[in-house]
Structure formats: structure tokens, C-alpha cells
Amino acid sequence: MSASNRTGSSPLTFILTGIPGLEALHHWISIPFCALYFIALLGNCLILFIVKKTQSLHEPMYYFLSMLAVTDLGLVLCTLPTTLGIFWFNIRRIGFDACLTQMYFIHILSFIESSVLLAMAFDRFIAISHPLRYPSILTKTTVIKIGLAIILRGMVSLLPIPFLLKRLSYCGKTELSHSFCFHPDIMNLACADIKVNVFYGMIILLSTVGMDLIFIVLSYILIIRTVISLAAKEECLKALNTCVSHICAVLIFFIPMIGLSMIHRFGKNIPPLVKTLVAYTYLIIPPALNPIIYSIKSSHIREALFRALWRKSESDW
């Protein structure tokens, strides 16, 4: 690496990548990306607005849904500037410290989303298995404590990551695989021993996201056991229907996340285009689809949305 692109052992800038092999089509490709970003921003803002304005939605389930919406908004805002900057203006350079900052917040928000999905699974388990104790177990104070614990866990567990990356020496290649900064991507550009980074990253991933996924699965095993014990078939279907939205949210978040982690660690021979598509699926699709899924499956959200639109149309007349 030339001296102009590094200070000590750290590069001054990294080079971001759009969609490999399709650089000439970036302006056209930006159209669906803009649509997804718009849907994500509008949909999650609507969820927050509806929950805040509708008194009947001031329940733990919808408080957790609001946490999910805030997290999705954060993920969108983390990747939007660099992604559209590449597609529209071919701005590919990002400063080393700016890259570490973006990476830190992307990973924090991903960990928070994982924890919120676990909290939502716990909420469904309590609501279905212990309906009479539900209001006393998940009080507003308890929900706030859970939210603060989720944020604190994400911040503390990932705090060493930027410092572990800063201690590494970087030489030669500075081109990243994505239009955003991702920990394994930055780490693999180092020309130093990265065993500590690999070990710490794996431990943190397994002890947070991995454990969240295990407990989500256990929650649904217990939910299914409870539902099977219900005598009436209609009650079974009604109980399971309340979980459909959450199951969809879990699948569209964890499947691409696990896929991207596996690709970065073991898929060295996988085409760059596949890696890029999985990364965008992981960071852009869940924030765009979550509000749509919950609006379609939750009659309370749907009715509150229709009431808000009806009041708006009446006021316009």
C-alpha cells in the first residue's frame, strides 16, 4: 500500500463495492434499492406512529414491535448513505474511522434485532401459556428493563471489536466486498495475525445471536406443546395465528444472517455476486418486510392504520 493511503498500520480509507460485474447498471439497480429503503422508512415510521397514537396497542407485544421498528430504521439509516452514494455518485471511498463506526452500529443493531426477536418470542410464550399472569409478568417497567438490557448487551459485547481491528496492520488490498463495512470483511484485509479477532467474533456471535436463536426455538417448542393441549381446534388456530408474523420476522432475519456469516468464514470460493446479494438480503429485506408482515397479519395494526387514514381523509375534506 502506498504511504498516502495509510497512517501507521491503519489505512486512511477503504474502497467500498457495489454489485460486482454490474457497475454499469448501478443507476438502474438503485431504483429497487430506493423502493426498498422507502418502504422500510415509511413502514417502520407508520408502525411507531400507530402504536404511539392508539391506546389499545399500548401492550407489551406492540412495545416490542416498536423496538423492532426502531432497530430496523437504524439498520436502514446505517447502510443507506454509502449504498446510494455508490449507486448514484460512485462514491466508493470511506475513511477508516468512519468505516469502523458504521460497522459497529450495523453489528450492534443486528444484535439488538436478534434480542428483540427473542423478547417477542418470550412475550408470545407468556401470552399463550400463562394468559392470566401475562399482564403482571410483562408490565411496562419490565418491558423497559428488557429494552435497556438488550441495548446494553449489544453495546458492551461489541465494544472491543473496533479496537481489535485498529491494532491490526493493513497492507496491499483495501477493497471491501460490500457497500457497507462488515467486521469479517475488514478483518480479512489485515496482513497480521487475526486469530484473536476470529476467536472473539465467533464467541460473541455464538453467545448472543446463537443463544437468542436457541431460546427462540425452545420458546416455540413450549408454545406448540401448550397449543396442542388446548381442546378446541379454533383456540389452537387462533393461538398459532398470533405467532405467524413473528415466525416470518425470525426467518427473514436469521436465515440470511447465518448465511452471510458462513460465507465470510468458509465460502472463499463463492462468487462475489452471491456474497453481495446475501448481504443486501440480510440488511435491507427484513426492515422493508417486517412492517408489511405485521400490517397484514395483525388485525389490530391494520385497523389502527385504516382509522388513521380515514381520519386524515376526513380532515382533508
C-alpha atoms as a PDB file:
ATOM      1  CA  MET A   1       0.000   0.000   0.000  1.00  0.00           C
ATOM      2  CA  SER A   2       1.289   3.439  -0.789  1.00  0.00           C
ATOM      3  CA  ALA A   3       2.219   5.777   2.026  1.00  0.00           C
ATOM      4  CA  SER A   4      -0.552   8.159   1.021  1.00  0.00           C
ATOM      5  CA  ASN A   5      -3.186   5.594   1.987  1.00  0.00           C
ATOM      6  CA  ARG A   6      -2.066   4.704   5.455  1.00  0.00           C
ATOM      7  CA  THR A   7      -1.145   6.231   8.766  1.00  0.00           C
ATOM      8  CA  GLY A   8       0.993   3.899  10.887  1.00  0.00           C
ATOM      9  CA  SER A   9      -0.632   0.487  10.472  1.00  0.00           C
ATOM     10  CA  SER A  10      -4.143   1.682   9.591  1.00  0.00           C
ATOM     11  CA  PRO A  11      -5.316   2.731   6.107  1.00  0.00           C
ATOM     12  CA  LEU A  12      -6.703   6.220   5.671  1.00  0.00           C
ATOM     13  CA  THR A  13      -9.519   4.869   3.501  1.00  0.00           C
ATOM     14  CA  PHE A  14     -11.248   1.682   2.412  1.00  0.00           C
ATOM     15  CA  ILE A  15     -12.845   1.155  -1.002  1.00  0.00           C
ATOM     16  CA  LEU A  16     -16.498   0.064  -0.916  1.00  0.00           C
ATOM     17  CA  THR A  17     -18.008  -2.168  -3.591  1.00  0.00           C
ATOM     18  CA  GLY A  18     -21.437  -2.015  -5.192  1.00  0.00           C
ATOM     19  CA  ILE A  19     -22.658  -5.052  -7.110  1.00  0.00           C
ATOM     20  CA  PRO A  20     -19.686  -6.836  -8.724  1.00  0.00           C
ATOM     21  CA  GLY A  21     -19.878  -7.121 -12.504  1.00  0.00           C
ATOM     22  CA  LEU A  22     -22.899  -4.819 -12.751  1.00  0.00           C
ATOM     23  CA  GLU A  23     -21.214  -1.443 -12.177  1.00  0.00           C
ATOM     24  CA  ALA A  24     -22.553  -0.051 -15.469  1.00  0.00           C
ATOM     25  CA  LEU A  25     -26.116  -0.715 -14.293  1.00  0.00           C
ATOM     26  CA  HIS A  26     -25.789   0.854 -10.852  1.00  0.00           C
ATOM     27  CA  HIS A  27     -28.134   3.751 -11.706  1.00  0.00           C
ATOM     28  CA  TRP A  28     -30.880   1.316 -12.740  1.00  0.00           C
ATOM     29  CA  ILE A  29     -30.191  -1.046  -9.848  1.00  0.00           C
ATOM     30  CA  SER A  30     -30.619   1.885  -7.470  1.00  0.00           C
ATOM     31  CA  ILE A  31     -34.363   2.037  -8.329  1.00  0.00           C
ATOM     32  CA  PRO A  32     -35.384  -1.159  -6.489  1.00  0.00           C
ATOM     33  CA  PHE A  33     -32.996  -0.259  -3.669  1.00  0.00           C
ATOM     34  CA  CYS A  34     -34.637   3.158  -3.311  1.00  0.00           C
ATOM     35  CA  ALA A  35     -38.043   1.465  -3.280  1.00  0.00           C
ATOM     36  CA  LEU A  36     -36.946  -0.922  -0.510  1.00  0.00           C
ATOM     37  CA  TYR A  37     -35.408   1.895   1.536  1.00  0.00           C
ATOM     38  CA  PHE A  38     -38.564   3.998   1.096  1.00  0.00           C
ATOM     39  CA  ILE A  39     -40.821   1.104   2.145  1.00  0.00           C
ATOM     40  CA  ALA A  40     -38.607   0.402   5.168  1.00  0.00           C
ATOM     41  CA  LEU A  41     -38.522   4.039   6.308  1.00  0.00           C
ATOM     42  CA  LEU A  42     -42.229   4.691   5.713  1.00  0.00           C
ATOM     43  CA  GLY A  43     -43.427   1.329   7.049  1.00  0.00           C
ATOM     44  CA  ASN A  44     -41.454   1.424  10.304  1.00  0.00           C
ATOM     45  CA  CYS A  45     -42.331   5.082  10.923  1.00  0.00           C
ATOM     46  CA  LEU A  46     -46.011   4.199  10.424  1.00  0.00           C
ATOM     47  CA  ILE A  47     -45.705   1.321  12.920  1.00  0.00           C
ATOM     48  CA  LEU A  48     -44.222   3.685  15.520  1.00  0.00           C
ATOM     49  CA  PHE A  49     -46.855   6.352  14.825  1.00  0.00           C
ATOM     50  CA  ILE A  50     -49.761   3.901  15.055  1.00  0.00           C
ATOM     51  CA  VAL A  51     -48.534   2.274  18.280  1.00  0.00           C
ATOM     52  CA  LYS A  52     -47.978   5.682  19.872  1.00  0.00           C
ATOM     53  CA  LYS A  53     -51.374   7.107  18.859  1.00  0.00           C
ATOM     54  CA  THR A  54     -53.526   4.010  19.511  1.00  0.00           C
ATOM     55  CA  GLN A  55     -54.215   3.435  23.190  1.00  0.00           C
ATOM     56  CA  SER A  56     -55.354  -0.164  22.664  1.00  0.00           C
ATOM     57  CA  LEU A  57     -51.905  -1.013  21.289  1.00  0.00           C
ATOM     58  CA  HIS A  58     -50.109   0.051  24.458  1.00  0.00           C
ATOM     59  CA  GLU A  59     -49.315  -3.560  25.315  1.00  0.00           C
ATOM     60  CA  PRO A  60     -46.014  -5.486  25.629  1.00  0.00           C
ATOM     61  CA  MET A  61     -46.414  -7.153  22.219  1.00  0.00           C
ATOM     62  CA  TYR A  62     -46.615  -3.791  20.454  1.00  0.00           C
ATOM     63  CA  TYR A  63     -43.909  -2.211  22.609  1.00  0.00           C
ATOM     64  CA  PHE A  64     -41.560  -4.951  21.396  1.00  0.00           C
ATOM     65  CA  LEU A  65     -42.805  -4.380  17.845  1.00  0.00           C
ATOM     66  CA  SER A  66     -41.889  -0.691  18.259  1.00  0.00           C
ATOM     67  CA  MET A  67     -38.393  -1.709  19.409  1.00  0.00           C
ATOM     68  CA  LEU A  68     -38.107  -3.840  16.266  1.00  0.00           C
ATOM     69  CA  ALA A  69     -39.219  -0.898  14.113  1.00  0.00           C
ATOM     70  CA  VAL A  70     -36.661   1.463  15.703  1.00  0.00           C
ATOM     71  CA  THR A  71     -33.910  -1.131  15.176  1.00  0.00           C
ATOM     72  CA  ASP A  72     -34.918  -1.594  11.534  1.00  0.00           C
ATOM     73  CA  LEU A  73     -34.860   2.168  10.997  1.00  0.00           C
ATOM     74  CA  GLY A  74     -31.362   2.261  12.459  1.00  0.00           C
ATOM     75  CA  LEU A  75     -30.162  -0.514  10.135  1.00  0.00           C
ATOM     76  CA  VAL A  76     -31.609   1.278   7.113  1.00  0.00           C
ATOM     77  CA  LEU A  77     -30.012   4.596   8.047  1.00  0.00           C
ATOM     78  CA  CYS A  78     -26.639   2.894   8.617  1.00  0.00           C
ATOM     79  CA  THR A  79     -26.383   1.442   5.107  1.00  0.00           C
ATOM     80  CA  LEU A  80     -28.407   3.934   3.031  1.00  0.00           C
ATOM     81  CA  PRO A  81     -25.764   6.728   2.655  1.00  0.00           C
ATOM     82  CA  THR A  82     -22.916   4.504   1.464  1.00  0.00           C
ATOM     83  CA  THR A  83     -25.085   2.219  -0.694  1.00  0.00           C
ATOM     84  CA  LEU A  84     -26.857   5.005  -2.580  1.00  0.00           C
ATOM     85  CA  GLY A  85     -23.627   7.003  -2.651  1.00  0.00           C
ATOM     86  CA  ILE A  86     -22.078   4.229  -4.735  1.00  0.00           C
ATOM     87  CA  PHE A  87     -25.116   3.679  -6.963  1.00  0.00           C
ATOM     88  CA  TRP A  88     -25.773   7.375  -7.674  1.00  0.00           C
ATOM     89  CA  PHE A  89     -22.408   9.129  -7.448  1.00  0.00           C
ATOM     90  CA  ASN A  90     -19.832   6.299  -7.473  1.00  0.00           C
ATOM     91  CA  ILE A  91     -18.514   7.470  -4.086  1.00  0.00           C
ATOM     92  CA  ARG A  92     -16.552   4.412  -3.024  1.00  0.00           C
ATOM     93  CA  ARG A  93     -14.036   5.739  -0.509  1.00  0.00           C
ATOM     94  CA  ILE A  94     -14.770   5.681   3.207  1.00  0.00           C
ATOM     95  CA  GLY A  95     -12.433   6.778   5.998  1.00  0.00           C
ATOM     96  CA  PHE A  96     -11.032   4.120   8.316  1.00  0.00           C
ATOM     97  CA  ASP A  97     -12.652   5.555  11.464  1.00  0.00           C
ATOM     98  CA  ALA A  98     -15.952   6.188   9.637  1.00  0.00           C
ATOM     99  CA  CYS A  99     -15.873   2.582   8.428  1.00  0.00           C
ATOM    100  CA  LEU A 100     -15.326   1.261  11.960  1.00  0.00           C
ATOM    101  CA  THR A 101     -18.168   3.446  13.233  1.00  0.00           C
ATOM    102  CA  GLN A 102     -20.571   2.197  10.569  1.00  0.00           C
ATOM    103  CA  MET A 103     -19.509  -1.403  11.213  1.00  0.00           C
ATOM    104  CA  TYR A 104     -20.009  -1.011  14.981  1.00  0.00           C
ATOM    105  CA  PHE A 105     -23.547   0.314  14.618  1.00  0.00           C
ATOM    106  CA  ILE A 106     -24.523  -2.251  11.971  1.00  0.00           C
ATOM    107  CA  HIS A 107     -23.436  -5.089  14.249  1.00  0.00           C
ATOM    108  CA  ILE A 108     -24.974  -3.529  17.372  1.00  0.00           C
ATOM    109  CA  LEU A 109     -28.320  -3.079  15.643  1.00  0.00           C
ATOM    110  CA  SER A 110     -28.171  -6.630  14.270  1.00  0.00           C
ATOM    111  CA  PHE A 111     -27.549  -7.988  17.766  1.00  0.00           C
ATOM    112  CA  ILE A 112     -30.331  -5.799  19.154  1.00  0.00           C
ATOM    113  CA  GLU A 113     -32.751  -7.078  16.489  1.00  0.00           C
ATOM    114  CA  SER A 114     -31.862 -10.649  17.401  1.00  0.00           C
ATOM    115  CA  SER A 115     -32.522  -9.920  21.089  1.00  0.00           C
ATOM    116  CA  VAL A 116     -35.807  -8.120  20.336  1.00  0.00           C
ATOM    117  CA  LEU A 117     -36.995 -11.146  18.349  1.00  0.00           C
ATOM    118  CA  LEU A 118     -36.162 -13.298  21.387  1.00  0.00           C
ATOM    119  CA  ALA A 119     -38.107 -10.923  23.639  1.00  0.00           C
ATOM    120  CA  MET A 120     -41.068 -11.144  21.250  1.00  0.00           C
ATOM    121  CA  ALA A 121     -40.903 -14.963  21.370  1.00  0.00           C
ATOM    122  CA  PHE A 122     -40.925 -14.788  25.176  1.00  0.00           C
ATOM    123  CA  ASP A 123     -43.902 -12.419  25.004  1.00  0.00           C
ATOM    124  CA  ARG A 124     -45.850 -14.894  22.820  1.00  0.00           C
ATOM    125  CA  PHE A 125     -44.919 -17.784  25.137  1.00  0.00           C
ATOM    126  CA  ILE A 126     -46.216 -15.956  28.222  1.00  0.00           C
ATOM    127  CA  ALA A 127     -49.371 -14.758  26.412  1.00  0.00           C
ATOM    128  CA  ILE A 128     -50.270 -18.268  25.219  1.00  0.00           C
ATOM    129  CA  SER A 129     -49.018 -20.429  28.121  1.00  0.00           C
ATOM    130  CA  HIS A 130     -49.898 -18.115  31.034  1.00  0.00           C
ATOM    131  CA  PRO A 131     -52.598 -15.711  29.768  1.00  0.00           C
ATOM    132  CA  LEU A 132     -53.913 -14.841  33.236  1.00  0.00           C
ATOM    133  CA  ARG A 133     -50.456 -13.898  34.529  1.00  0.00           C
ATOM    134  CA  TYR A 134     -49.442 -12.105  31.336  1.00  0.00           C
ATOM    135  CA  PRO A 135     -50.279  -8.528  32.483  1.00  0.00           C
ATOM    136  CA  SER A 136     -48.493  -8.994  35.822  1.00  0.00           C
ATOM    137  CA  ILE A 137     -45.355 -10.582  34.306  1.00  0.00           C
ATOM    138  CA  LEU A 138     -44.781  -8.201  31.381  1.00  0.00           C
ATOM    139  CA  THR A 139     -45.510  -4.841  32.935  1.00  0.00           C
ATOM    140  CA  LYS A 140     -44.419  -1.586  31.287  1.00  0.00           C
ATOM    141  CA  THR A 141     -41.486  -1.364  33.733  1.00  0.00           C
ATOM    142  CA  THR A 142     -40.382  -4.899  32.866  1.00  0.00           C
ATOM    143  CA  VAL A 143     -40.544  -4.133  29.132  1.00  0.00           C
ATOM    144  CA  ILE A 144     -38.379  -1.012  29.633  1.00  0.00           C
ATOM    145  CA  LYS A 145     -35.838  -3.033  31.644  1.00  0.00           C
ATOM    146  CA  ILE A 146     -35.722  -5.688  28.920  1.00  0.00           C
ATOM    147  CA  GLY A 147     -35.175  -2.983  26.284  1.00  0.00           C
ATOM    148  CA  LEU A 148     -32.328  -1.381  28.251  1.00  0.00           C
ATOM    149  CA  ALA A 149     -30.714  -4.783  28.872  1.00  0.00           C
ATOM    150  CA  ILE A 150     -30.868  -5.563  25.143  1.00  0.00           C
ATOM    151  CA  ILE A 151     -29.140  -2.276  24.226  1.00  0.00           C
ATOM    152  CA  LEU A 152     -26.512  -2.664  26.953  1.00  0.00           C
ATOM    153  CA  ARG A 153     -25.700  -6.234  25.927  1.00  0.00           C
ATOM    154  CA  GLY A 154     -25.165  -5.230  22.304  1.00  0.00           C
ATOM    155  CA  MET A 155     -23.017  -2.206  23.138  1.00  0.00           C
ATOM    156  CA  VAL A 156     -20.793  -3.936  25.704  1.00  0.00           C
ATOM    157  CA  SER A 157     -20.272  -7.205  23.820  1.00  0.00           C
ATOM    158  CA  LEU A 158     -19.198  -5.409  20.614  1.00  0.00           C
ATOM    159  CA  LEU A 159     -17.185  -2.591  22.207  1.00  0.00           C
ATOM    160  CA  PRO A 160     -13.782  -4.363  21.819  1.00  0.00           C
ATOM    161  CA  ILE A 161     -14.299  -5.048  18.080  1.00  0.00           C
ATOM    162  CA  PRO A 162     -13.195  -1.597  16.730  1.00  0.00           C
ATOM    163  CA  PHE A 163     -10.119  -1.645  19.000  1.00  0.00           C
ATOM    164  CA  LEU A 164      -9.213  -5.178  17.887  1.00  0.00           C
ATOM    165  CA  LEU A 165      -9.390  -4.007  14.268  1.00  0.00           C
ATOM    166  CA  LYS A 166      -7.380  -0.843  14.964  1.00  0.00           C
ATOM    167  CA  ARG A 167      -4.465  -2.827  16.366  1.00  0.00           C
ATOM    168  CA  LEU A 168      -4.062  -4.761  13.096  1.00  0.00           C
ATOM    169  CA  SER A 169      -1.694  -3.827  10.255  1.00  0.00           C
ATOM    170  CA  TYR A 170      -3.232  -3.374   6.812  1.00  0.00           C
ATOM    171  CA  CYS A 171      -1.169  -3.620   3.661  1.00  0.00           C
ATOM    172  CA  GLY A 172      -1.937  -4.088  -0.007  1.00  0.00           C
ATOM    173  CA  LYS A 173      -5.639  -4.579  -0.730  1.00  0.00           C
ATOM    174  CA  THR A 174      -8.135  -2.094   0.766  1.00  0.00           C
ATOM    175  CA  GLU A 175     -11.236  -3.017  -1.248  1.00  0.00           C
ATOM    176  CA  LEU A 176     -14.191  -4.301   0.781  1.00  0.00           C
ATOM    177  CA  SER A 177     -16.774  -6.772  -0.530  1.00  0.00           C
ATOM    178  CA  HIS A 178     -19.865  -4.667   0.201  1.00  0.00           C
ATOM    179  CA  SER A 179     -21.229  -1.124   0.061  1.00  0.00           C
ATOM    180  CA  PHE A 180     -21.001  -1.024   3.851  1.00  0.00           C
ATOM    181  CA  CYS A 181     -18.403  -2.029   6.454  1.00  0.00           C
ATOM    182  CA  PHE A 182     -18.683  -5.532   7.905  1.00  0.00           C
ATOM    183  CA  HIS A 183     -16.368  -6.966  10.593  1.00  0.00           C
ATOM    184  CA  PRO A 184     -15.185 -10.165   8.807  1.00  0.00           C
ATOM    185  CA  ASP A 185     -14.694  -8.151   5.614  1.00  0.00           C
ATOM    186  CA  ILE A 186     -12.377  -5.583   7.285  1.00  0.00           C
ATOM    187  CA  MET A 187     -10.584  -8.250   9.309  1.00  0.00           C
ATOM    188  CA  ASN A 188      -9.693 -10.288   6.212  1.00  0.00           C
ATOM    189  CA  LEU A 189      -7.852  -7.304   4.685  1.00  0.00           C
ATOM    190  CA  ALA A 190      -5.301  -7.295   7.501  1.00  0.00           C
ATOM    191  CA  CYS A 191      -1.790  -8.616   6.891  1.00  0.00           C
ATOM    192  CA  ALA A 192      -1.359  -9.528  10.564  1.00  0.00           C
ATOM    193  CA  ASP A 193      -2.435 -12.416  12.782  1.00  0.00           C
ATOM    194  CA  ILE A 194      -6.238 -12.215  13.121  1.00  0.00           C
ATOM    195  CA  LYS A 195      -6.752 -15.254  15.389  1.00  0.00           C
ATOM    196  CA  VAL A 196      -7.869 -13.062  18.313  1.00  0.00           C
ATOM    197  CA  ASN A 197     -10.408 -11.259  16.102  1.00  0.00           C
ATOM    198  CA  VAL A 198     -11.739 -14.531  14.685  1.00  0.00           C
ATOM    199  CA  PHE A 199     -11.990 -16.152  18.121  1.00  0.00           C
ATOM    200  CA  TYR A 200     -13.629 -13.150  19.805  1.00  0.00           C
ATOM    201  CA  GLY A 201     -16.051 -12.620  16.904  1.00  0.00           C
ATOM    202  CA  MET A 202     -17.096 -16.279  16.948  1.00  0.00           C
ATOM    203  CA  ILE A 203     -17.536 -16.351  20.747  1.00  0.00           C
ATOM    204  CA  ILE A 204     -19.637 -13.181  20.732  1.00  0.00           C
ATOM    205  CA  LEU A 205     -21.766 -14.366  17.802  1.00  0.00           C
ATOM    206  CA  LEU A 206     -22.481 -17.754  19.404  1.00  0.00           C
ATOM    207  CA  SER A 207     -23.091 -16.354  22.899  1.00  0.00           C
ATOM    208  CA  THR A 208     -25.516 -13.666  21.714  1.00  0.00           C
ATOM    209  CA  VAL A 209     -27.208 -14.333  18.375  1.00  0.00           C
ATOM    210  CA  GLY A 210     -26.651 -18.096  18.660  1.00  0.00           C
ATOM    211  CA  MET A 211     -28.199 -18.266  22.128  1.00  0.00           C
ATOM    212  CA  ASP A 212     -31.060 -15.997  21.037  1.00  0.00           C
ATOM    213  CA  LEU A 213     -31.916 -18.383  18.216  1.00  0.00           C
ATOM    214  CA  ILE A 214     -31.770 -21.424  20.518  1.00  0.00           C
ATOM    215  CA  PHE A 215     -34.095 -19.774  23.052  1.00  0.00           C
ATOM    216  CA  ILE A 216     -36.489 -18.689  20.280  1.00  0.00           C
ATOM    217  CA  VAL A 217     -36.710 -22.298  19.097  1.00  0.00           C
ATOM    218  CA  LEU A 218     -37.238 -23.503  22.688  1.00  0.00           C
ATOM    219  CA  SER A 219     -39.976 -20.888  23.168  1.00  0.00           C
ATOM    220  CA  TYR A 220     -41.841 -22.200  20.137  1.00  0.00           C
ATOM    221  CA  ILE A 221     -41.448 -25.806  21.259  1.00  0.00           C
ATOM    222  CA  LEU A 222     -43.130 -24.823  24.540  1.00  0.00           C
ATOM    223  CA  ILE A 223     -45.763 -22.794  22.674  1.00  0.00           C
ATOM    224  CA  ILE A 224     -46.586 -25.781  20.430  1.00  0.00           C
ATOM    225  CA  ARG A 225     -46.871 -28.044  23.488  1.00  0.00           C
ATOM    226  CA  THR A 226     -49.299 -25.585  25.069  1.00  0.00           C
ATOM    227  CA  VAL A 227     -51.329 -25.197  21.863  1.00  0.00           C
ATOM    228  CA  ILE A 228     -51.594 -28.975  21.372  1.00  0.00           C
ATOM    229  CA  SER A 229     -53.011 -29.291  24.880  1.00  0.00           C
ATOM    230  CA  LEU A 230     -55.879 -26.940  24.014  1.00  0.00           C
ATOM    231  CA  ALA A 231     -59.126 -28.818  23.488  1.00  0.00           C
ATOM    232  CA  ALA A 232     -60.784 -26.619  20.865  1.00  0.00           C
ATOM    233  CA  LYS A 233     -59.313 -26.547  17.352  1.00  0.00           C
ATOM    234  CA  GLU A 234     -60.358 -22.897  16.896  1.00  0.00           C
ATOM    235  CA  GLU A 235     -58.414 -21.915  20.004  1.00  0.00           C
ATOM    236  CA  CYS A 236     -55.323 -23.718  18.634  1.00  0.00           C
ATOM    237  CA  LEU A 237     -55.516 -21.888  15.325  1.00  0.00           C
ATOM    238  CA  LYS A 238     -56.134 -18.534  16.999  1.00  0.00           C
ATOM    239  CA  ALA A 239     -53.141 -19.024  19.314  1.00  0.00           C
ATOM    240  CA  LEU A 240     -50.833 -20.040  16.472  1.00  0.00           C
ATOM    241  CA  ASN A 241     -52.044 -17.181  14.259  1.00  0.00           C
ATOM    242  CA  THR A 242     -50.664 -14.663  16.749  1.00  0.00           C
ATOM    243  CA  CYS A 243     -47.195 -16.168  16.172  1.00  0.00           C
ATOM    244  CA  VAL A 244     -47.167 -16.209  12.359  1.00  0.00           C
ATOM    245  CA  SER A 245     -45.850 -12.641  11.972  1.00  0.00           C
ATOM    246  CA  HIS A 246     -43.082 -13.258  14.478  1.00  0.00           C
ATOM    247  CA  ILE A 247     -42.037 -16.547  12.849  1.00  0.00           C
ATOM    248  CA  CYS A 248     -41.775 -14.766   9.474  1.00  0.00           C
ATOM    249  CA  ALA A 249     -39.678 -11.985  11.044  1.00  0.00           C
ATOM    250  CA  VAL A 250     -37.363 -14.579  12.641  1.00  0.00           C
ATOM    251  CA  LEU A 251     -36.882 -16.466   9.371  1.00  0.00           C
ATOM    252  CA  ILE A 252     -36.177 -13.437   7.166  1.00  0.00           C
ATOM    253  CA  PHE A 253     -33.639 -12.146   9.708  1.00  0.00           C
ATOM    254  CA  PHE A 254     -31.759 -15.252  10.854  1.00  0.00           C
ATOM    255  CA  ILE A 255     -31.512 -17.190   7.567  1.00  0.00           C
ATOM    256  CA  PRO A 256     -29.563 -14.512   5.612  1.00  0.00           C
ATOM    257  CA  MET A 257     -27.584 -13.540   8.733  1.00  0.00           C
ATOM    258  CA  ILE A 258     -26.368 -17.105   9.277  1.00  0.00           C
ATOM    259  CA  GLY A 259     -25.766 -17.463   5.532  1.00  0.00           C
ATOM    260  CA  LEU A 260     -23.611 -14.319   5.376  1.00  0.00           C
ATOM    261  CA  SER A 261     -21.594 -15.351   8.450  1.00  0.00           C
ATOM    262  CA  MET A 262     -20.928 -18.789   6.953  1.00  0.00           C
ATOM    263  CA  ILE A 263     -19.963 -17.297   3.573  1.00  0.00           C
ATOM    264  CA  HIS A 264     -17.439 -14.905   5.120  1.00  0.00           C
ATOM    265  CA  ARG A 265     -15.857 -17.626   7.239  1.00  0.00           C
ATOM    266  CA  PHE A 266     -15.948 -20.673   4.976  1.00  0.00           C
ATOM    267  CA  GLY A 267     -17.068 -19.595   1.485  1.00  0.00           C
ATOM    268  CA  LYS A 268     -13.860 -18.304  -0.047  1.00  0.00           C
ATOM    269  CA  ASN A 269     -14.706 -19.822  -3.447  1.00  0.00           C
ATOM    270  CA  ILE A 270     -18.261 -18.454  -3.562  1.00  0.00           C
ATOM    271  CA  PRO A 271     -18.799 -15.851  -6.358  1.00  0.00           C
ATOM    272  CA  PRO A 272     -18.705 -12.223  -5.107  1.00  0.00           C
ATOM    273  CA  LEU A 273     -22.183 -11.590  -6.541  1.00  0.00           C
ATOM    274  CA  VAL A 274     -23.701 -14.274  -4.283  1.00  0.00           C
ATOM    275  CA  LYS A 275     -21.981 -12.784  -1.228  1.00  0.00           C
ATOM    276  CA  THR A 276     -23.276  -9.325  -2.141  1.00  0.00           C
ATOM    277  CA  LEU A 277     -26.878 -10.472  -2.679  1.00  0.00           C
ATOM    278  CA  VAL A 278     -26.936 -12.349   0.647  1.00  0.00           C
ATOM    279  CA  ALA A 279     -25.573  -9.253   2.426  1.00  0.00           C
ATOM    280  CA  TYR A 280     -28.260  -6.989   0.957  1.00  0.00           C
ATOM    281  CA  THR A 281     -30.928  -9.589   1.785  1.00  0.00           C
ATOM    282  CA  TYR A 282     -29.710  -9.599   5.387  1.00  0.00           C
ATOM    283  CA  LEU A 283     -29.613  -5.818   5.907  1.00  0.00           C
ATOM    284  CA  ILE A 284     -32.339  -4.396   3.633  1.00  0.00           C
ATOM    285  CA  ILE A 285     -35.070  -7.027   3.197  1.00  0.00           C
ATOM    286  CA  PRO A 286     -36.048  -7.511   6.901  1.00  0.00           C
ATOM    287  CA  PRO A 287     -36.550  -3.764   7.595  1.00  0.00           C
ATOM    288  CA  ALA A 288     -38.714  -3.492   4.455  1.00  0.00           C
ATOM    289  CA  LEU A 289     -40.773  -6.650   5.020  1.00  0.00           C
ATOM    290  CA  ASN A 290     -41.323  -6.546   8.801  1.00  0.00           C
ATOM    291  CA  PRO A 291     -43.867  -3.657   8.752  1.00  0.00           C
ATOM    292  CA  ILE A 292     -45.670  -5.254   5.799  1.00  0.00           C
ATOM    293  CA  ILE A 293     -45.860  -8.643   7.538  1.00  0.00           C
ATOM    294  CA  TYR A 294     -47.176  -7.177  10.782  1.00  0.00           C
ATOM    295  CA  SER A 295     -49.644  -4.914   8.968  1.00  0.00           C
ATOM    296  CA  ILE A 296     -51.067  -7.853   7.028  1.00  0.00           C
ATOM    297  CA  LYS A 297     -51.192 -10.403   9.855  1.00  0.00           C
ATOM    298  CA  SER A 298     -52.097  -8.167  12.802  1.00  0.00           C
ATOM    299  CA  SER A 299     -55.735  -7.068  12.635  1.00  0.00           C
ATOM    300  CA  HIS A 300     -55.114  -4.518  15.418  1.00  0.00           C
ATOM    301  CA  ILE A 301     -52.321  -2.796  13.463  1.00  0.00           C
ATOM    302  CA  ARG A 302     -54.358  -2.946  10.255  1.00  0.00           C
ATOM    303  CA  GLU A 303     -57.481  -1.473  11.861  1.00  0.00           C
ATOM    304  CA  ALA A 304     -55.485   1.283  13.568  1.00  0.00           C
ATOM    305  CA  LEU A 305     -53.840   2.128  10.233  1.00  0.00           C
ATOM    306  CA  PHE A 306     -57.215   2.296   8.445  1.00  0.00           C
ATOM    307  CA  ARG A 307     -58.623   4.528  11.211  1.00  0.00           C
ATOM    308  CA  ALA A 308     -55.650   6.882  10.941  1.00  0.00           C
ATOM    309  CA  LEU A 309     -56.023   7.089   7.150  1.00  0.00           C
ATOM    310  CA  TRP A 310     -59.788   7.621   7.454  1.00  0.00           C
ATOM    311  CA  ARG A 311     -59.311  10.485   9.929  1.00  0.00           C
ATOM    312  CA  LYS A 312     -56.717  12.024   7.611  1.00  0.00           C
ATOM    313  CA  SER A 313     -59.061  11.841   4.598  1.00  0.00           C
ATOM    314  CA  GLU A 314     -61.910  13.357   6.627  1.00  0.00           C
ATOM    315  CA  SER A 315     -59.727  16.241   7.801  1.00  0.00           C
ATOM    316  CA  ASP A 316     -58.658  16.898   4.193  1.00  0.00           C
ATOM    317  CA  TRP A 317     -62.314  17.202   3.161  1.00  0.00           C
END
